[in-house]
Amino acid sequence: MASITICRMSQQLTSVSNPRVKHLVGLRRRRQRDQSGLMLVEGYEELSLALEAGVVPVTLYYCPELVRQESDLATVAEVTALGSEVVQVSDRVFEKVAYRESPDGWLAVVHTVPTDLAALRVGENPLTLVCESVEKPGNLGAMLRTADAVGVDAVVAARPITDWGNPNIVRASKGTVFSVPVAAADSADVLAWARERSMCVVAATPDTDTVFTDVDFTGPTVIAVGSEKHGLTDEFLTAADVRVRIPMFGRANSLNVATSAAIILYEALRQRTDHRR
């Protein structure tokens, strides 16, 4: 009975030649996201977190044949109550518009997340992660999940190569791109923003003798990590208050950037937790 009611509440889309399908596929490209101010959220878990964070979808597309739990269909009524457009699609259409393997029947179009650095608000004793020129959306998404878990004030992309609306960032972050404030700006602007807030800039690099556990993270802090191949730029390394490394005892001289960020962020969390006791 519930599924019949839901079907009546929504439009239906069964043709892969419908212009909406082309629009949804186009939103995988950054150019169309930038022009439209829209982005995609695919997956029930990601959509649920976005809704919890207060995101109101422009349009929700769902495919009952692919939904894994019937109880999840209550989300259709929830989104309809927000005033969003809801469209039921066939499995053939959903397979066309889905960008992930083994889709679960949920895809939403939402407004892109705000990324203005000047508008970013942090607490009195902020802990912020800066990712300079990180190329892989999966790494940015993984760092967002860690940032959400640690409770950082914000994650900033310096000299960004990809945009925060990239579908692979949404997927890798499990939707935490909506729960953690984000921004994007040139490195010089990020450094100036940190200085204006009297934040200690801690740069992660293998080229230093200072181990990350020997640094005080209890005050206002920016933890900066660099690109997968080249690390942080000389601009950031020169401007940093301190450079830190993670001890390495194998043959490799560095860890994956998302792993490095997680290790240092959790050390900062440990220190801050102990400091409050």
Protein backbone atom coordinates (compact mmCIF):
# COMPACT_ATOMS: atom_id res chain seq x y z
CA MET A 1 0.00 0.00 0.00
CA ALA A 2 2.82 2.42 0.88
CA SER A 3 4.55 1.86 -2.47
CA ILE A 4 1.28 2.60 -4.36
CA THR A 5 0.87 5.89 -2.52
CA ILE A 6 4.46 6.84 -3.26
CA CYS A 7 4.03 6.14 -6.97
CA ARG A 8 1.05 8.51 -7.09
CA MET A 9 3.05 11.24 -5.41
CA SER A 10 5.76 11.38 -8.06
CA GLN A 11 6.24 11.85 -11.77
CA GLN A 12 7.48 8.92 -13.81
CA LEU A 13 10.36 8.75 -16.28
CA THR A 14 10.80 5.68 -18.47
CA SER A 15 12.60 6.90 -21.62
CA VAL A 16 16.39 7.14 -21.80
CA SER A 17 15.99 9.74 -24.57
CA ASN A 18 14.28 12.19 -22.22
CA PRO A 19 16.21 15.50 -21.95
CA ARG A 20 16.40 15.01 -18.18
CA VAL A 21 18.64 11.99 -18.73
CA LYS A 22 21.11 14.03 -20.77
CA HIS A 23 21.09 16.72 -18.07
CA LEU A 24 21.84 14.21 -15.32
CA VAL A 25 24.66 12.60 -17.27
CA GLY A 26 26.04 16.08 -18.01
CA LEU A 27 26.28 16.91 -14.31
CA ARG A 28 29.13 14.43 -14.05
CA ARG A 29 31.23 17.08 -15.81
CA ARG A 30 32.63 20.00 -13.87
CA ARG A 31 31.80 22.52 -16.57
CA GLN A 32 28.08 21.78 -16.35
CA ARG A 33 28.19 21.78 -12.55
CA ASP A 34 29.86 25.18 -12.58
CA GLN A 35 27.41 26.60 -15.11
CA SER A 36 24.28 25.26 -13.42
CA GLY A 37 25.30 25.50 -9.77
CA LEU A 38 24.03 21.95 -9.34
CA MET A 39 25.62 18.64 -8.35
CA LEU A 40 24.63 14.99 -7.97
CA VAL A 41 24.18 12.88 -4.87
CA GLU A 42 23.86 9.18 -5.57
CA GLY A 43 23.22 6.50 -2.97
CA TYR A 44 20.82 6.17 -0.07
CA GLU A 45 23.47 6.63 2.62
CA GLU A 46 24.87 9.76 0.98
CA LEU A 47 21.39 11.19 0.42
CA SER A 48 20.39 10.51 4.02
CA LEU A 49 23.42 12.36 5.37
CA ALA A 50 22.76 15.28 3.04
CA LEU A 51 19.17 15.49 4.25
CA GLU A 52 20.32 15.35 7.88
CA ALA A 53 22.67 18.25 7.12
CA GLY A 54 19.72 20.32 5.93
CA VAL A 55 20.15 19.93 2.18
CA VAL A 56 16.89 20.32 0.24
CA PRO A 57 17.11 18.50 -3.11
CA VAL A 58 16.06 20.26 -6.27
CA THR A 59 14.93 16.92 -7.67
CA LEU A 60 14.97 13.37 -6.32
CA TYR A 61 15.08 10.46 -8.77
CA TYR A 62 14.41 6.98 -7.44
CA CYS A 63 13.93 3.52 -8.90
CA PRO A 64 11.74 1.21 -6.76
CA GLU A 65 13.13 -1.89 -8.50
CA LEU A 66 16.63 -1.07 -7.26
CA VAL A 67 15.79 0.14 -3.74
CA ARG A 68 17.24 -2.40 -1.33
CA GLN A 69 14.90 -1.95 1.62
CA GLU A 70 11.23 -1.09 1.29
CA SER A 71 11.44 0.99 4.45
CA ASP A 72 13.84 3.34 2.63
CA LEU A 73 10.96 4.44 0.40
CA ALA A 74 9.75 6.64 3.26
CA THR A 75 12.47 9.03 2.06
CA VAL A 76 10.32 9.81 -0.98
CA ALA A 77 7.58 11.23 1.22
CA GLU A 78 10.18 13.05 3.33
CA VAL A 79 11.69 14.76 0.30
CA THR A 80 8.27 15.54 -1.17
CA ALA A 81 7.34 17.26 2.09
CA LEU A 82 10.38 19.53 1.64
CA GLY A 83 8.85 20.84 -1.57
CA SER A 84 11.32 19.06 -3.83
CA GLU A 85 10.37 17.57 -7.18
CA VAL A 86 10.27 13.76 -7.07
CA VAL A 87 10.58 11.60 -10.17
CA GLN A 88 10.22 7.83 -10.30
CA VAL A 89 12.38 6.25 -13.00
CA SER A 90 12.62 2.83 -14.63
CA ASP A 91 15.58 0.59 -13.96
CA ARG A 92 16.75 1.16 -17.54
CA VAL A 93 16.80 4.93 -17.04
CA PHE A 94 18.51 4.66 -13.68
CA GLU A 95 21.26 2.49 -15.12
CA LYS A 96 21.85 5.26 -17.67
CA VAL A 97 22.09 8.10 -15.16
CA ALA A 98 23.88 6.24 -12.36
CA TYR A 99 27.61 6.91 -12.08
CA ARG A 100 28.48 4.15 -9.62
CA GLU A 101 28.57 0.39 -9.87
CA SER A 102 25.70 -1.56 -8.29
CA PRO A 103 23.40 1.47 -7.90
CA ASP A 104 20.82 1.37 -5.14
CA GLY A 105 18.13 3.39 -6.87
CA TRP A 106 18.65 6.84 -5.34
CA LEU A 107 19.92 9.95 -7.14
CA ALA A 108 19.33 13.56 -6.18
CA VAL A 109 20.16 16.87 -7.82
CA VAL A 110 21.14 19.47 -5.23
CA HIS A 111 22.66 22.93 -5.21
CA THR A 112 26.46 22.91 -5.08
CA VAL A 113 27.99 23.30 -1.63
CA PRO A 114 29.22 26.81 -0.70
CA THR A 115 33.00 27.13 -1.19
CA ASP A 116 33.69 30.82 -0.53
CA LEU A 117 36.69 31.05 1.79
CA ALA A 118 35.77 34.54 2.98
CA ALA A 119 32.37 33.27 4.11
CA LEU A 120 33.82 30.30 6.00
CA ARG A 121 33.17 30.46 9.74
CA VAL A 122 35.29 28.60 12.28
CA GLY A 123 35.24 28.38 16.06
CA GLU A 124 37.35 30.21 18.62
CA ASN A 125 39.97 27.47 18.65
CA PRO A 126 39.71 26.07 15.14
CA LEU A 127 41.25 22.94 13.69
CA THR A 128 41.26 23.10 9.91
CA LEU A 129 42.58 20.77 7.22
CA VAL A 130 44.05 22.26 4.04
CA CYS A 131 44.54 20.04 0.98
CA GLU A 132 46.78 21.71 -1.58
CA SER A 133 46.46 20.56 -5.20
CA VAL A 134 45.18 17.10 -4.26
CA GLU A 135 44.23 15.48 -7.55
CA LYS A 136 42.22 12.38 -6.73
CA PRO A 137 38.58 12.90 -5.70
CA GLY A 138 38.76 9.65 -3.73
CA ASN A 139 41.49 11.09 -1.51
CA LEU A 140 39.57 14.30 -0.93
CA GLY A 141 36.48 12.29 -0.07
CA ALA A 142 38.41 10.08 2.34
CA MET A 143 39.84 13.14 4.07
CA LEU A 144 36.36 14.59 4.43
CA ARG A 145 35.20 11.41 6.19
CA THR A 146 38.13 11.69 8.60
CA ALA A 147 37.50 15.41 9.11
CA ASP A 148 33.87 14.66 9.94
CA ALA A 149 34.91 11.95 12.40
CA VAL A 150 37.47 14.17 14.12
CA GLY A 151 35.17 17.18 14.19
CA VAL A 152 37.34 19.67 12.31
CA ASP A 153 35.98 23.13 11.65
CA ALA A 154 36.54 23.05 7.90
CA VAL A 155 38.40 21.48 5.00
CA VAL A 156 39.90 23.88 2.46
CA ALA A 157 41.12 22.99 -1.01
CA ALA A 158 44.11 25.21 -1.84
CA ARG A 159 44.97 25.53 -5.52
CA PRO A 160 42.12 23.08 -6.20
CA ILE A 161 42.34 20.72 -9.14
CA THR A 162 38.88 19.24 -8.76
CA ASP A 163 35.69 20.76 -7.37
CA TRP A 164 33.83 19.80 -4.21
CA GLY A 165 30.81 18.81 -6.33
CA ASN A 166 32.65 15.99 -8.08
CA PRO A 167 30.42 12.88 -7.80
CA ASN A 168 33.41 10.79 -6.74
CA ILE A 169 34.06 13.13 -3.82
CA VAL A 170 30.45 12.77 -2.73
CA ARG A 171 30.74 8.99 -2.98
CA ALA A 172 34.14 8.68 -1.25
CA SER A 173 33.08 11.07 1.50
CA LYS A 174 29.86 9.10 2.11
CA GLY A 175 28.07 12.44 1.94
CA THR A 176 30.19 14.21 4.56
CA VAL A 177 30.88 16.95 2.00
CA PHE A 178 27.53 18.25 3.27
CA SER A 179 28.33 17.94 6.99
CA VAL A 180 31.82 19.49 6.99
CA PRO A 181 32.20 23.13 5.88
CA VAL A 182 34.41 23.33 2.80
CA ALA A 183 36.07 26.07 0.79
CA ALA A 184 38.39 26.51 -2.18
CA ALA A 185 40.94 29.25 -2.88
CA ASP A 186 44.48 29.97 -4.04
CA SER A 187 47.24 29.02 -1.61
CA ALA A 188 48.16 32.66 -0.96
CA ASP A 189 44.57 33.45 0.00
CA VAL A 190 44.37 30.39 2.26
CA LEU A 191 47.57 31.39 4.05
CA ALA A 192 46.34 34.97 4.48
CA TRP A 193 43.03 33.65 5.84
CA ALA A 194 44.92 31.54 8.39
CA ARG A 195 47.14 34.44 9.45
CA GLU A 196 44.15 36.73 9.97
CA ARG A 197 42.86 34.18 12.47
CA SER A 198 46.21 33.66 14.21
CA MET A 199 46.28 30.00 13.21
CA CYS A 200 49.47 27.95 13.40
CA VAL A 201 50.19 26.45 9.97
CA VAL A 202 51.53 22.89 10.27
CA ALA A 203 52.87 21.51 6.98
CA ALA A 204 53.16 17.77 6.44
CA THR A 205 56.31 16.80 4.54
CA PRO A 206 58.91 14.02 4.71
CA ASP A 207 61.69 16.62 4.45
CA THR A 208 61.98 17.62 8.10
CA ASP A 209 63.34 16.25 11.36
CA THR A 210 60.29 17.21 13.43
CA VAL A 211 57.95 14.30 14.17
CA PHE A 212 54.26 15.25 14.16
CA THR A 213 53.72 14.00 17.74
CA ASP A 214 56.23 16.58 19.00
CA VAL A 215 54.07 19.51 17.87
CA ASP A 216 51.36 21.24 19.93
CA PHE A 217 47.99 21.06 18.16
CA THR A 218 45.90 22.39 21.05
CA GLY A 219 45.73 25.97 19.74
CA PRO A 220 44.19 27.36 16.54
CA THR A 221 45.72 25.14 13.87
CA VAL A 222 45.83 24.53 10.14
CA ILE A 223 47.13 21.11 9.10
CA ALA A 224 48.27 21.23 5.48
CA VAL A 225 48.87 18.27 3.18
CA GLY A 226 49.94 18.38 -0.45
CA SER A 227 49.43 16.65 -3.75
CA GLU A 228 49.89 12.92 -4.16
CA LYS A 229 52.97 13.30 -6.37
CA HIS A 230 54.69 16.51 -5.32
CA GLY A 231 53.48 17.25 -1.80
CA LEU A 232 53.09 20.84 -0.65
CA THR A 233 54.38 23.70 -2.77
CA ASP A 234 57.38 25.79 -1.72
CA GLU A 235 54.93 28.63 -1.11
CA PHE A 236 53.16 26.67 1.59
CA LEU A 237 56.28 25.09 3.05
CA THR A 238 58.03 28.45 3.34
CA ALA A 239 55.04 30.11 4.97
CA ALA A 240 54.40 27.27 7.44
CA ASP A 241 55.12 27.82 11.13
CA VAL A 242 56.34 24.26 11.47
CA ARG A 243 56.98 21.28 9.20
CA VAL A 244 56.22 17.80 10.47
CA ARG A 245 56.79 14.27 9.27
CA ILE A 246 55.30 10.88 10.01
CA PRO A 247 58.04 8.35 10.90
CA MET A 248 58.56 5.77 8.15
CA PHE A 249 60.46 2.52 8.79
CA GLY A 250 59.94 0.79 5.45
CA ARG A 251 61.28 1.52 2.01
CA ALA A 252 58.61 4.00 0.99
CA ASN A 253 59.22 7.57 2.10
CA SER A 254 55.58 8.64 2.37
CA LEU A 255 52.03 7.47 2.93
CA ASN A 256 48.89 8.07 0.90
CA VAL A 257 47.84 11.68 1.47
CA ALA A 258 44.49 10.71 2.99
CA THR A 259 46.22 8.31 5.39
CA SER A 260 48.76 10.96 6.38
CA ALA A 261 46.02 13.49 7.05
CA ALA A 262 44.11 10.98 9.18
CA ILE A 263 47.14 10.17 11.34
CA ILE A 264 47.93 13.82 12.04
CA LEU A 265 44.31 14.82 12.58
CA TYR A 266 43.82 12.09 15.16
CA GLU A 267 46.95 13.20 16.99
CA ALA A 268 45.47 16.69 17.09
CA LEU A 269 42.22 15.25 18.42
CA ARG A 270 44.09 13.23 21.08
CA GLN A 271 45.95 16.30 22.28
CA ARG A 272 42.86 18.46 22.35
CA THR A 273 40.87 15.81 24.21
CA ASP A 274 43.62 15.41 26.81
CA HIS A 275 43.96 19.19 27.09
CA ARG A 276 40.28 19.56 28.02
CA ARG A 277 40.45 17.02 30.83
